């Protein structure tokens, strides 16, 4: 029994317990809610560039046009649906990711979970994001209306009832399929890339094993891995992101029509802005999420190692 008592002092709960998932979900709320709200001005300009490229020519031009027309307050338009929507999305994304990771690991068994770990990260994150987007969709729809339709509504309190009156519940969920198109590849990339980058950094870059790194050093690794994952995320999901922005603005056009009209060059518009935005975002999200785990003393499993039983099978042990 000695081993168990030692664990309880180091960790506040058991890996895979309800308390563990609840606190992971809370970490997700802070991580997504705060970061997405912080970049509302950048997101606002990006959405406007995608929807009205004639008027908002580039990232800096977009900022100056917005400031001239709406003042500093105009840059914060859509912050409420962003905060609520992404907090709910973060709760589901990170909470369910941990749930599905444990669930799928147990289904595969220890050896296969190690061998197929990349697929495991991809499957767990895709499953989590599926539910997270259902939570996000209504708020995302309201946010795009507030940001890109001049004179439609200035706040969530005005926008939501108006949208419901015009199109019913459909107004809030018609964007869910394009959201899945954009967010599921993005999240799969974000989680799998992050997990494998962390593993690679400890293996090849950091001069000592994770168990010997201080918490601050571990969080630096988290931040770097998060940024690298973010750059890949931005590239993978950008075309779908352009389509989503145009779709939400135009009533009655389909994703394939928009794609044809934008063409190959059109879908990559605003990519540089998005790489900076998503890179920083993803790095900060992982940093906040891991900091919450450190703060609440949640068990953080070490970088994956080959199970002993598999080493024996492969003749890697003496």
C-alpha atoms as a PDB file:
ATOM      1  CA  UNK A   1       0.000   0.000   0.000  1.00  0.00           C
ATOM      2  CA  UNK A   2       2.993   2.299   0.390  1.00  0.00           C
ATOM      3  CA  UNK A   3       2.949   3.251  -3.314  1.00  0.00           C
ATOM      4  CA  UNK A   4      -0.634   4.472  -3.235  1.00  0.00           C
ATOM      5  CA  UNK A   5      -0.225   6.833  -0.295  1.00  0.00           C
ATOM      6  CA  UNK A   6       2.796   8.419  -1.940  1.00  0.00           C
ATOM      7  CA  UNK A   7       0.726   9.141  -5.073  1.00  0.00           C
ATOM      8  CA  UNK A   8      -2.062  10.879  -3.199  1.00  0.00           C
ATOM      9  CA  UNK A   9       0.323  13.486  -1.846  1.00  0.00           C
ATOM     10  CA  UNK A  10       1.829  14.175  -5.258  1.00  0.00           C
ATOM     11  CA  UNK A  11      -1.467  14.204  -7.185  1.00  0.00           C
ATOM     12  CA  UNK A  12      -4.835  15.610  -6.207  1.00  0.00           C
ATOM     13  CA  UNK A  13      -6.802  12.848  -7.933  1.00  0.00           C
ATOM     14  CA  UNK A  14      -6.477   9.637  -9.892  1.00  0.00           C
ATOM     15  CA  UNK A  15      -5.852   9.556 -13.651  1.00  0.00           C
ATOM     16  CA  UNK A  16      -9.182   8.895 -15.369  1.00  0.00           C
ATOM     17  CA  UNK A  17     -11.377   9.699 -12.348  1.00  0.00           C
ATOM     18  CA  UNK A  18     -14.408  12.002 -12.572  1.00  0.00           C
ATOM     19  CA  UNK A  19     -12.519  14.729 -10.716  1.00  0.00           C
ATOM     20  CA  UNK A  20      -9.667  14.391 -13.201  1.00  0.00           C
ATOM     21  CA  UNK A  21     -11.985  14.828 -16.184  1.00  0.00           C
ATOM     22  CA  UNK A  22     -13.837  17.715 -14.522  1.00  0.00           C
ATOM     23  CA  UNK A  23     -10.618  19.614 -13.862  1.00  0.00           C
ATOM     24  CA  UNK A  24      -9.365  18.859 -17.386  1.00  0.00           C
ATOM     25  CA  UNK A  25     -12.624  20.291 -18.680  1.00  0.00           C
ATOM     26  CA  UNK A  26     -12.109  23.381 -16.523  1.00  0.00           C
ATOM     27  CA  UNK A  27      -8.588  23.712 -17.949  1.00  0.00           C
ATOM     28  CA  UNK A  28     -10.149  23.555 -21.400  1.00  0.00           C
ATOM     29  CA  UNK A  29     -12.659  26.301 -20.540  1.00  0.00           C
ATOM     30  CA  UNK A  30      -9.882  28.650 -19.441  1.00  0.00           C
ATOM     31  CA  UNK A  31      -7.564  27.657 -22.247  1.00  0.00           C
ATOM     32  CA  UNK A  32     -10.004  28.149 -25.142  1.00  0.00           C
ATOM     33  CA  UNK A  33     -12.247  30.815 -23.633  1.00  0.00           C
ATOM     34  CA  UNK A  34      -9.442  33.195 -22.658  1.00  0.00           C
ATOM     35  CA  UNK A  35      -7.262  32.788 -25.738  1.00  0.00           C
ATOM     36  CA  UNK A  36     -10.035  33.120 -28.306  1.00  0.00           C
ATOM     37  CA  UNK A  37     -11.454  36.160 -26.511  1.00  0.00           C
ATOM     38  CA  UNK A  38      -7.991  37.751 -26.424  1.00  0.00           C
ATOM     39  CA  UNK A  39      -7.622  37.519 -30.206  1.00  0.00           C
ATOM     40  CA  UNK A  40     -11.129  38.781 -31.050  1.00  0.00           C
ATOM     41  CA  UNK A  41      -9.736  41.921 -32.779  1.00  0.00           C
ATOM     42  CA  UNK A  42      -7.472  39.824 -34.996  1.00  0.00           C
ATOM     43  CA  UNK A  43     -10.261  37.345 -35.710  1.00  0.00           C
ATOM     44  CA  UNK A  44     -12.649  40.177 -36.529  1.00  0.00           C
ATOM     45  CA  UNK A  45     -10.252  41.630 -39.107  1.00  0.00           C
ATOM     46  CA  UNK A  46      -9.556  38.163 -40.555  1.00  0.00           C
ATOM     47  CA  UNK A  47     -13.283  37.441 -40.980  1.00  0.00           C
ATOM     48  CA  UNK A  48     -13.845  40.809 -42.611  1.00  0.00           C
ATOM     49  CA  UNK A  49     -10.929  40.277 -45.002  1.00  0.00           C
ATOM     50  CA  UNK A  50     -12.391  36.928 -46.040  1.00  0.00           C
ATOM     51  CA  UNK A  51     -15.900  38.283 -46.468  1.00  0.00           C
ATOM     52  CA  UNK A  52     -15.125  41.682 -48.027  1.00  0.00           C
ATOM     53  CA  UNK A  53     -11.618  41.646 -49.561  1.00  0.00           C
ATOM     54  CA  UNK A  54     -12.271  44.808 -51.586  1.00  0.00           C
ATOM     55  CA  UNK A  55     -12.768  46.868 -48.459  1.00  0.00           C
ATOM     56  CA  UNK A  56     -10.330  45.150 -46.102  1.00  0.00           C
ATOM     57  CA  UNK A  57      -7.249  44.619 -48.223  1.00  0.00           C
ATOM     58  CA  UNK A  58      -4.739  43.258 -45.757  1.00  0.00           C
ATOM     59  CA  UNK A  59      -4.249  42.679 -42.076  1.00  0.00           C
ATOM     60  CA  UNK A  60      -2.926  46.190 -41.275  1.00  0.00           C
ATOM     61  CA  UNK A  61      -5.289  47.915 -43.678  1.00  0.00           C
ATOM     62  CA  UNK A  62      -8.116  45.930 -42.103  1.00  0.00           C
ATOM     63  CA  UNK A  63      -7.222  47.183 -38.648  1.00  0.00           C
ATOM     64  CA  UNK A  64      -7.015  50.816 -39.731  1.00  0.00           C
ATOM     65  CA  UNK A  65     -10.311  50.703 -41.653  1.00  0.00           C
ATOM     66  CA  UNK A  66     -12.040  49.088 -38.656  1.00  0.00           C
ATOM     67  CA  UNK A  67     -10.553  51.633 -36.237  1.00  0.00           C
ATOM     68  CA  UNK A  68     -11.568  54.539 -38.474  1.00  0.00           C
ATOM     69  CA  UNK A  69     -15.149  53.332 -38.769  1.00  0.00           C
ATOM     70  CA  UNK A  70     -15.908  51.771 -35.391  1.00  0.00           C
ATOM     71  CA  UNK A  71     -13.204  53.089 -33.071  1.00  0.00           C
ATOM     72  CA  UNK A  72     -11.379  50.956 -30.507  1.00  0.00           C
ATOM     73  CA  UNK A  73     -14.644  49.505 -29.224  1.00  0.00           C
ATOM     74  CA  UNK A  74     -15.374  48.174 -32.706  1.00  0.00           C
ATOM     75  CA  UNK A  75     -12.393  45.853 -32.418  1.00  0.00           C
ATOM     76  CA  UNK A  76     -14.022  43.993 -29.535  1.00  0.00           C
ATOM     77  CA  UNK A  77     -17.226  43.260 -31.439  1.00  0.00           C
ATOM     78  CA  UNK A  78     -18.399  39.715 -30.910  1.00  0.00           C
ATOM     79  CA  UNK A  79     -16.417  39.113 -27.727  1.00  0.00           C
ATOM     80  CA  UNK A  80     -19.380  37.697 -25.762  1.00  0.00           C
ATOM     81  CA  UNK A  81     -20.380  34.892 -28.144  1.00  0.00           C
ATOM     82  CA  UNK A  82     -16.665  34.194 -28.619  1.00  0.00           C
ATOM     83  CA  UNK A  83     -16.080  33.804 -24.894  1.00  0.00           C
ATOM     84  CA  UNK A  84     -19.183  31.707 -24.211  1.00  0.00           C
ATOM     85  CA  UNK A  85     -18.852  29.599 -27.354  1.00  0.00           C
ATOM     86  CA  UNK A  86     -15.179  28.801 -27.011  1.00  0.00           C
ATOM     87  CA  UNK A  87     -15.427  28.151 -23.276  1.00  0.00           C
ATOM     88  CA  UNK A  88     -18.043  25.512 -23.989  1.00  0.00           C
ATOM     89  CA  UNK A  89     -15.997  24.198 -26.882  1.00  0.00           C
ATOM     90  CA  UNK A  90     -12.869  24.016 -24.704  1.00  0.00           C
ATOM     91  CA  UNK A  91     -14.726  22.149 -21.988  1.00  0.00           C
ATOM     92  CA  UNK A  92     -15.835  19.480 -24.487  1.00  0.00           C
ATOM     93  CA  UNK A  93     -12.627  19.446 -26.528  1.00  0.00           C
ATOM     94  CA  UNK A  94     -10.140  18.888 -23.718  1.00  0.00           C
ATOM     95  CA  UNK A  95     -12.484  17.047 -21.339  1.00  0.00           C
ATOM     96  CA  UNK A  96     -13.703  14.561 -23.953  1.00  0.00           C
ATOM     97  CA  UNK A  97     -10.199  14.202 -25.409  1.00  0.00           C
ATOM     98  CA  UNK A  98      -8.971  12.841 -22.090  1.00  0.00           C
ATOM     99  CA  UNK A  99     -12.076  10.638 -21.798  1.00  0.00           C
ATOM    100  CA  UNK A 100     -11.741   9.172 -25.306  1.00  0.00           C
ATOM    101  CA  UNK A 101      -7.984   8.728 -24.909  1.00  0.00           C
ATOM    102  CA  UNK A 102      -8.531   6.501 -21.862  1.00  0.00           C
ATOM    103  CA  UNK A 103     -11.513   4.765 -23.481  1.00  0.00           C
ATOM    104  CA  UNK A 104      -9.697   3.929 -26.716  1.00  0.00           C
ATOM    105  CA  UNK A 105      -6.478   2.975 -24.863  1.00  0.00           C
ATOM    106  CA  UNK A 106      -8.413   0.475 -22.818  1.00  0.00           C
ATOM    107  CA  UNK A 107     -10.103  -0.909 -25.935  1.00  0.00           C
ATOM    108  CA  UNK A 108      -6.745  -1.384 -27.673  1.00  0.00           C
ATOM    109  CA  UNK A 109      -4.835  -2.759 -24.710  1.00  0.00           C
ATOM    110  CA  UNK A 110      -1.468  -1.452 -23.502  1.00  0.00           C
ATOM    111  CA  UNK A 111       0.729  -2.732 -26.330  1.00  0.00           C
ATOM    112  CA  UNK A 112      -1.462  -1.623 -29.216  1.00  0.00           C
ATOM    113  CA  UNK A 113      -2.158   1.711 -27.525  1.00  0.00           C
ATOM    114  CA  UNK A 114       1.594   2.337 -27.653  1.00  0.00           C
ATOM    115  CA  UNK A 115       2.157   1.080 -31.196  1.00  0.00           C
ATOM    116  CA  UNK A 116      -0.859   2.923 -32.585  1.00  0.00           C
ATOM    117  CA  UNK A 117      -0.532   6.003 -30.383  1.00  0.00           C
ATOM    118  CA  UNK A 118      -0.684   8.508 -33.249  1.00  0.00           C
ATOM    119  CA  UNK A 119      -3.945   6.967 -34.476  1.00  0.00           C
ATOM    120  CA  UNK A 120      -5.172   6.981 -30.890  1.00  0.00           C
ATOM    121  CA  UNK A 121      -4.520  10.742 -30.560  1.00  0.00           C
ATOM    122  CA  UNK A 122      -6.214  11.341 -33.924  1.00  0.00           C
ATOM    123  CA  UNK A 123      -9.280   9.257 -33.060  1.00  0.00           C
ATOM    124  CA  UNK A 124      -9.687  10.669 -29.551  1.00  0.00           C
ATOM    125  CA  UNK A 125      -9.354  14.276 -30.692  1.00  0.00           C
ATOM    126  CA  UNK A 126     -11.719  13.800 -33.650  1.00  0.00           C
ATOM    127  CA  UNK A 127     -14.340  12.247 -31.349  1.00  0.00           C
ATOM    128  CA  UNK A 128     -13.982  15.069 -28.829  1.00  0.00           C
ATOM    129  CA  UNK A 129     -14.171  17.794 -31.472  1.00  0.00           C
ATOM    130  CA  UNK A 130     -17.336  16.298 -32.961  1.00  0.00           C
ATOM    131  CA  UNK A 131     -19.140  17.116 -29.701  1.00  0.00           C
ATOM    132  CA  UNK A 132     -17.231  20.335 -29.055  1.00  0.00           C
ATOM    133  CA  UNK A 133     -18.445  21.817 -32.353  1.00  0.00           C
ATOM    134  CA  UNK A 134     -22.067  21.119 -31.530  1.00  0.00           C
ATOM    135  CA  UNK A 135     -21.493  23.199 -28.389  1.00  0.00           C
ATOM    136  CA  UNK A 136     -19.719  25.959 -30.332  1.00  0.00           C
ATOM    137  CA  UNK A 137     -21.902  26.270 -33.460  1.00  0.00           C
ATOM    138  CA  UNK A 138     -24.669  28.587 -32.150  1.00  0.00           C
ATOM    139  CA  UNK A 139     -22.195  31.103 -30.755  1.00  0.00           C
ATOM    140  CA  UNK A 140     -19.946  30.982 -33.820  1.00  0.00           C
ATOM    141  CA  UNK A 141     -22.957  31.745 -36.033  1.00  0.00           C
ATOM    142  CA  UNK A 142     -23.890  34.743 -33.880  1.00  0.00           C
ATOM    143  CA  UNK A 143     -20.286  35.970 -33.780  1.00  0.00           C
ATOM    144  CA  UNK A 144     -19.897  35.995 -37.567  1.00  0.00           C
ATOM    145  CA  UNK A 145     -23.186  37.912 -37.958  1.00  0.00           C
ATOM    146  CA  UNK A 146     -22.140  40.521 -35.404  1.00  0.00           C
ATOM    147  CA  UNK A 147     -18.667  40.932 -36.922  1.00  0.00           C
ATOM    148  CA  UNK A 148     -19.361  40.889 -40.643  1.00  0.00           C
ATOM    149  CA  UNK A 149     -22.918  42.161 -41.200  1.00  0.00           C
ATOM    150  CA  UNK A 150     -22.864  45.919 -40.634  1.00  0.00           C
ATOM    151  CA  UNK A 151     -25.925  47.117 -38.758  1.00  0.00           C
ATOM    152  CA  UNK A 152     -27.248  43.595 -38.079  1.00  0.00           C
ATOM    153  CA  UNK A 153     -26.602  43.557 -34.338  1.00  0.00           C
ATOM    154  CA  UNK A 154     -23.919  44.810 -31.985  1.00  0.00           C
ATOM    155  CA  UNK A 155     -24.294  42.366 -29.117  1.00  0.00           C
ATOM    156  CA  UNK A 156     -25.202  38.741 -28.524  1.00  0.00           C
ATOM    157  CA  UNK A 157     -28.369  39.886 -26.750  1.00  0.00           C
ATOM    158  CA  UNK A 158     -29.563  41.578 -29.954  1.00  0.00           C
ATOM    159  CA  UNK A 159     -28.267  39.001 -32.411  1.00  0.00           C
ATOM    160  CA  UNK A 160     -29.554  35.721 -30.961  1.00  0.00           C
ATOM    161  CA  UNK A 161     -33.293  36.559 -30.775  1.00  0.00           C
ATOM    162  CA  UNK A 162     -33.146  38.188 -34.203  1.00  0.00           C
ATOM    163  CA  UNK A 163     -31.519  35.140 -35.788  1.00  0.00           C
ATOM    164  CA  UNK A 164     -34.069  32.864 -34.120  1.00  0.00           C
ATOM    165  CA  UNK A 165     -36.935  34.989 -35.404  1.00  0.00           C
ATOM    166  CA  UNK A 166     -35.581  34.977 -38.978  1.00  0.00           C
ATOM    167  CA  UNK A 167     -34.532  31.359 -39.436  1.00  0.00           C
ATOM    168  CA  UNK A 168     -35.446  29.463 -36.274  1.00  0.00           C
ATOM    169  CA  UNK A 169     -33.005  26.990 -34.690  1.00  0.00           C
ATOM    170  CA  UNK A 170     -31.528  26.278 -38.111  1.00  0.00           C
ATOM    171  CA  UNK A 171     -29.768  29.656 -38.019  1.00  0.00           C
ATOM    172  CA  UNK A 172     -27.593  28.440 -35.170  1.00  0.00           C
ATOM    173  CA  UNK A 173     -26.734  25.002 -36.478  1.00  0.00           C
ATOM    174  CA  UNK A 174     -26.511  25.401 -40.253  1.00  0.00           C
ATOM    175  CA  UNK A 175     -22.800  26.077 -39.813  1.00  0.00           C
ATOM    176  CA  UNK A 176     -22.108  22.866 -37.908  1.00  0.00           C
ATOM    177  CA  UNK A 177     -21.090  20.741 -40.908  1.00  0.00           C
ATOM    178  CA  UNK A 178     -18.606  23.343 -42.250  1.00  0.00           C
ATOM    179  CA  UNK A 179     -17.402  23.749 -38.642  1.00  0.00           C
ATOM    180  CA  UNK A 180     -16.705  20.020 -38.484  1.00  0.00           C
ATOM    181  CA  UNK A 181     -14.847  20.317 -41.813  1.00  0.00           C
ATOM    182  CA  UNK A 182     -12.699  23.082 -40.396  1.00  0.00           C
ATOM    183  CA  UNK A 183     -12.324  22.073 -36.766  1.00  0.00           C
ATOM    184  CA  UNK A 184     -11.987  18.282 -36.880  1.00  0.00           C
ATOM    185  CA  UNK A 185      -8.868  18.208 -39.136  1.00  0.00           C
ATOM    186  CA  UNK A 186      -7.562  21.179 -37.127  1.00  0.00           C
ATOM    187  CA  UNK A 187      -8.070  19.487 -33.768  1.00  0.00           C
ATOM    188  CA  UNK A 188      -6.694  16.138 -34.945  1.00  0.00           C
ATOM    189  CA  UNK A 189      -3.594  17.970 -36.120  1.00  0.00           C
ATOM    190  CA  UNK A 190      -3.448  20.058 -32.950  1.00  0.00           C
ATOM    191  CA  UNK A 191      -3.553  17.117 -30.545  1.00  0.00           C
ATOM    192  CA  UNK A 192      -1.588  14.493 -32.477  1.00  0.00           C
ATOM    193  CA  UNK A 193       1.065  16.975 -33.603  1.00  0.00           C
ATOM    194  CA  UNK A 194       1.380  18.330 -30.078  1.00  0.00           C
ATOM    195  CA  UNK A 195       1.683  14.905 -28.441  1.00  0.00           C
ATOM    196  CA  UNK A 196       4.288  13.676 -30.919  1.00  0.00           C
ATOM    197  CA  UNK A 197       6.233  16.966 -30.833  1.00  0.00           C
ATOM    198  CA  UNK A 198       6.423  16.867 -27.036  1.00  0.00           C
ATOM    199  CA  UNK A 199       7.660  13.302 -27.273  1.00  0.00           C
ATOM    200  CA  UNK A 200      10.265  14.253 -29.888  1.00  0.00           C
ATOM    201  CA  UNK A 201      11.437  17.311 -27.940  1.00  0.00           C
ATOM    202  CA  UNK A 202      12.089  15.231 -24.811  1.00  0.00           C
ATOM    203  CA  UNK A 203      13.771  12.569 -26.888  1.00  0.00           C
ATOM    204  CA  UNK A 204      16.004  14.707 -29.135  1.00  0.00           C
ATOM    205  CA  UNK A 205      16.144  18.320 -27.888  1.00  0.00           C
ATOM    206  CA  UNK A 206      15.775  18.467 -24.097  1.00  0.00           C
ATOM    207  CA  UNK A 207      19.037  17.201 -22.555  1.00  0.00           C
ATOM    208  CA  UNK A 208      17.374  15.390 -19.622  1.00  0.00           C
ATOM    209  CA  UNK A 209      14.280  13.197 -19.095  1.00  0.00           C
ATOM    210  CA  UNK A 210      10.975  14.895 -18.247  1.00  0.00           C
ATOM    211  CA  UNK A 211      11.003  13.531 -14.687  1.00  0.00           C
ATOM    212  CA  UNK A 212      14.127  15.625 -14.008  1.00  0.00           C
ATOM    213  CA  UNK A 213      12.746  18.831 -15.582  1.00  0.00           C
ATOM    214  CA  UNK A 214      11.255  21.472 -13.326  1.00  0.00           C
ATOM    215  CA  UNK A 215       7.604  22.395 -13.831  1.00  0.00           C
ATOM    216  CA  UNK A 216       8.651  25.656 -15.490  1.00  0.00           C
ATOM    217  CA  UNK A 217      10.921  23.792 -17.909  1.00  0.00           C
ATOM    218  CA  UNK A 218       8.119  21.364 -18.719  1.00  0.00           C
ATOM    219  CA  UNK A 219       5.800  24.285 -19.483  1.00  0.00           C
ATOM    220  CA  UNK A 220       8.374  25.778 -21.876  1.00  0.00           C
ATOM    221  CA  UNK A 221       8.395  22.467 -23.768  1.00  0.00           C
ATOM    222  CA  UNK A 222       4.581  22.602 -23.782  1.00  0.00           C
ATOM    223  CA  UNK A 223       4.652  26.115 -25.269  1.00  0.00           C
ATOM    224  CA  UNK A 224       7.174  25.278 -28.015  1.00  0.00           C
ATOM    225  CA  UNK A 225       5.352  22.091 -28.991  1.00  0.00           C
ATOM    226  CA  UNK A 226       2.082  24.009 -29.004  1.00  0.00           C
ATOM    227  CA  UNK A 227       3.441  26.629 -31.387  1.00  0.00           C
ATOM    228  CA  UNK A 228       4.841  24.044 -33.798  1.00  0.00           C
ATOM    229  CA  UNK A 229       1.522  22.166 -33.756  1.00  0.00           C
ATOM    230  CA  UNK A 230      -0.295  25.464 -34.336  1.00  0.00           C
ATOM    231  CA  UNK A 231       1.561  26.255 -37.554  1.00  0.00           C
ATOM    232  CA  UNK A 232       0.582  22.879 -39.011  1.00  0.00           C
ATOM    233  CA  UNK A 233      -2.989  23.367 -37.796  1.00  0.00           C
ATOM    234  CA  UNK A 234      -3.324  26.706 -39.532  1.00  0.00           C
ATOM    235  CA  UNK A 235      -2.182  25.356 -42.889  1.00  0.00           C
ATOM    236  CA  UNK A 236      -4.370  22.249 -42.743  1.00  0.00           C
ATOM    237  CA  UNK A 237      -7.574  24.054 -41.828  1.00  0.00           C
ATOM    238  CA  UNK A 238      -7.243  27.331 -43.690  1.00  0.00           C
ATOM    239  CA  UNK A 239      -9.159  26.511 -46.894  1.00  0.00           C
ATOM    240  CA  UNK A 240     -12.175  25.320 -44.889  1.00  0.00           C
ATOM    241  CA  UNK A 241     -11.930  28.402 -42.692  1.00  0.00           C
ATOM    242  CA  UNK A 242     -12.219  30.685 -45.730  1.00  0.00           C
ATOM    243  CA  UNK A 243     -15.286  28.765 -46.895  1.00  0.00           C
ATOM    244  CA  UNK A 244     -16.950  28.949 -43.450  1.00  0.00           C
ATOM    245  CA  UNK A 245     -16.528  32.729 -43.283  1.00  0.00           C
ATOM    246  CA  UNK A 246     -18.077  33.267 -46.719  1.00  0.00           C
ATOM    247  CA  UNK A 247     -20.875  30.736 -46.108  1.00  0.00           C
ATOM    248  CA  UNK A 248     -22.041  32.337 -42.880  1.00  0.00           C
ATOM    249  CA  UNK A 249     -22.322  35.675 -44.631  1.00  0.00           C
ATOM    250  CA  UNK A 250     -24.232  34.469 -47.673  1.00  0.00           C
ATOM    251  CA  UNK A 251     -27.647  32.953 -47.289  1.00  0.00           C
ATOM    252  CA  UNK A 252     -28.330  30.001 -49.536  1.00  0.00           C
ATOM    253  CA  UNK A 253     -24.982  29.159 -51.142  1.00  0.00           C
ATOM    254  CA  UNK A 254     -23.385  25.746 -50.612  1.00  0.00           C
ATOM    255  CA  UNK A 255     -19.826  24.905 -49.623  1.00  0.00           C
ATOM    256  CA  UNK A 256     -18.978  23.515 -53.061  1.00  0.00           C
ATOM    257  CA  UNK A 257     -20.262  26.656 -54.844  1.00  0.00           C
ATOM    258  CA  UNK A 258     -18.143  28.859 -52.598  1.00  0.00           C
ATOM    259  CA  UNK A 259     -15.100  26.639 -53.198  1.00  0.00           C
ATOM    260  CA  UNK A 260     -15.484  26.883 -56.965  1.00  0.00           C
ATOM    261  CA  UNK A 261     -15.834  30.648 -56.817  1.00  0.00           C
ATOM    262  CA  UNK A 262     -12.878  31.224 -54.485  1.00  0.00           C
ATOM    263  CA  UNK A 263     -10.591  28.940 -56.494  1.00  0.00           C
ATOM    264  CA  UNK A 264      -7.201  27.658 -55.370  1.00  0.00           C
ATOM    265  CA  UNK A 265      -5.697  31.077 -54.679  1.00  0.00           C
ATOM    266  CA  UNK A 266      -8.756  32.451 -52.969  1.00  0.00           C
ATOM    267  CA  UNK A 267      -8.897  29.848 -50.221  1.00  0.00           C
ATOM    268  CA  UNK A 268      -5.347  30.692 -49.089  1.00  0.00           C
ATOM    269  CA  UNK A 269      -6.087  34.395 -48.566  1.00  0.00           C
ATOM    270  CA  UNK A 270      -5.109  35.586 -45.095  1.00  0.00           C
ATOM    271  CA  UNK A 271      -2.991  32.485 -44.367  1.00  0.00           C
ATOM    272  CA  UNK A 272      -0.013  34.387 -42.960  1.00  0.00           C
ATOM    273  CA  UNK A 273      -2.211  36.252 -40.469  1.00  0.00           C
ATOM    274  CA  UNK A 274      -3.778  32.972 -39.500  1.00  0.00           C
ATOM    275  CA  UNK A 275      -0.440  31.164 -38.987  1.00  0.00           C
ATOM    276  CA  UNK A 276       0.640  33.853 -36.541  1.00  0.00           C
ATOM    277  CA  UNK A 277      -2.740  33.849 -34.877  1.00  0.00           C
ATOM    278  CA  UNK A 278      -3.208  30.067 -34.647  1.00  0.00           C
ATOM    279  CA  UNK A 279       0.427  29.395 -33.737  1.00  0.00           C
ATOM    280  CA  UNK A 280       0.292  31.795 -30.825  1.00  0.00           C
ATOM    281  CA  UNK A 281      -3.199  30.624 -29.897  1.00  0.00           C
ATOM    282  CA  UNK A 282      -2.336  26.937 -29.870  1.00  0.00           C
ATOM    283  CA  UNK A 283       0.844  27.551 -27.892  1.00  0.00           C
ATOM    284  CA  UNK A 284      -1.053  29.596 -25.307  1.00  0.00           C
ATOM    285  CA  UNK A 285      -3.890  27.072 -25.120  1.00  0.00           C
ATOM    286  CA  UNK A 286      -1.580  24.184 -24.359  1.00  0.00           C
ATOM    287  CA  UNK A 287       0.356  26.382 -21.933  1.00  0.00           C
ATOM    288  CA  UNK A 288      -2.786  27.380 -20.006  1.00  0.00           C
ATOM    289  CA  UNK A 289      -4.164  23.829 -20.113  1.00  0.00           C
ATOM    290  CA  UNK A 290      -0.948  22.309 -18.771  1.00  0.00           C
ATOM    291  CA  UNK A 291      -0.583  25.091 -16.193  1.00  0.00           C
ATOM    292  CA  UNK A 292      -4.051  24.259 -14.877  1.00  0.00           C
ATOM    293  CA  UNK A 293      -3.007  20.605 -14.666  1.00  0.00           C
ATOM    294  CA  UNK A 294       0.160  21.587 -12.783  1.00  0.00           C
ATOM    295  CA  UNK A 295      -1.729  23.977 -10.481  1.00  0.00           C
ATOM    296  CA  UNK A 296      -4.366  21.408  -9.495  1.00  0.00           C
ATOM    297  CA  UNK A 297      -1.689  18.685  -9.260  1.00  0.00           C
ATOM    298  CA  UNK A 298      -3.363  16.501 -11.859  1.00  0.00           C
ATOM    299  CA  UNK A 299      -1.518  13.359 -12.949  1.00  0.00           C
ATOM    300  CA  UNK A 300       0.314  14.093 -16.212  1.00  0.00           C
ATOM    301  CA  UNK A 301       1.426  10.820 -17.766  1.00  0.00           C
ATOM    302  CA  UNK A 302       5.095  10.839 -18.863  1.00  0.00           C
ATOM    303  CA  UNK A 303       6.007  10.739 -22.573  1.00  0.00           C
ATOM    304  CA  UNK A 304       4.953   7.345 -23.953  1.00  0.00           C
ATOM    305  CA  UNK A 305       7.389   4.489 -23.589  1.00  0.00           C
ATOM    306  CA  UNK A 306       7.236   0.998 -25.009  1.00  0.00           C
ATOM    307  CA  UNK A 307       5.442  -1.337 -22.556  1.00  0.00           C
ATOM    308  CA  UNK A 308       7.723  -3.944 -20.959  1.00  0.00           C
ATOM    309  CA  UNK A 309       5.689  -6.807 -22.429  1.00  0.00           C
ATOM    310  CA  UNK A 310       6.270  -5.453 -25.941  1.00  0.00           C
ATOM    311  CA  UNK A 311      10.016  -4.991 -25.313  1.00  0.00           C
ATOM    312  CA  UNK A 312      10.212  -8.648 -24.324  1.00  0.00           C
ATOM    313  CA  UNK A 313       8.360  -9.717 -27.466  1.00  0.00           C
ATOM    314  CA  UNK A 314      10.705  -7.700 -29.666  1.00  0.00           C
ATOM    315  CA  UNK A 315      13.729  -9.007 -27.767  1.00  0.00           C
ATOM    316  CA  UNK A 316      14.749  -5.527 -26.632  1.00  0.00           C
ATOM    317  CA  UNK A 317      15.223  -6.522 -22.997  1.00  0.00           C
ATOM    318  CA  UNK A 318      18.017  -8.653 -21.647  1.00  0.00           C
END
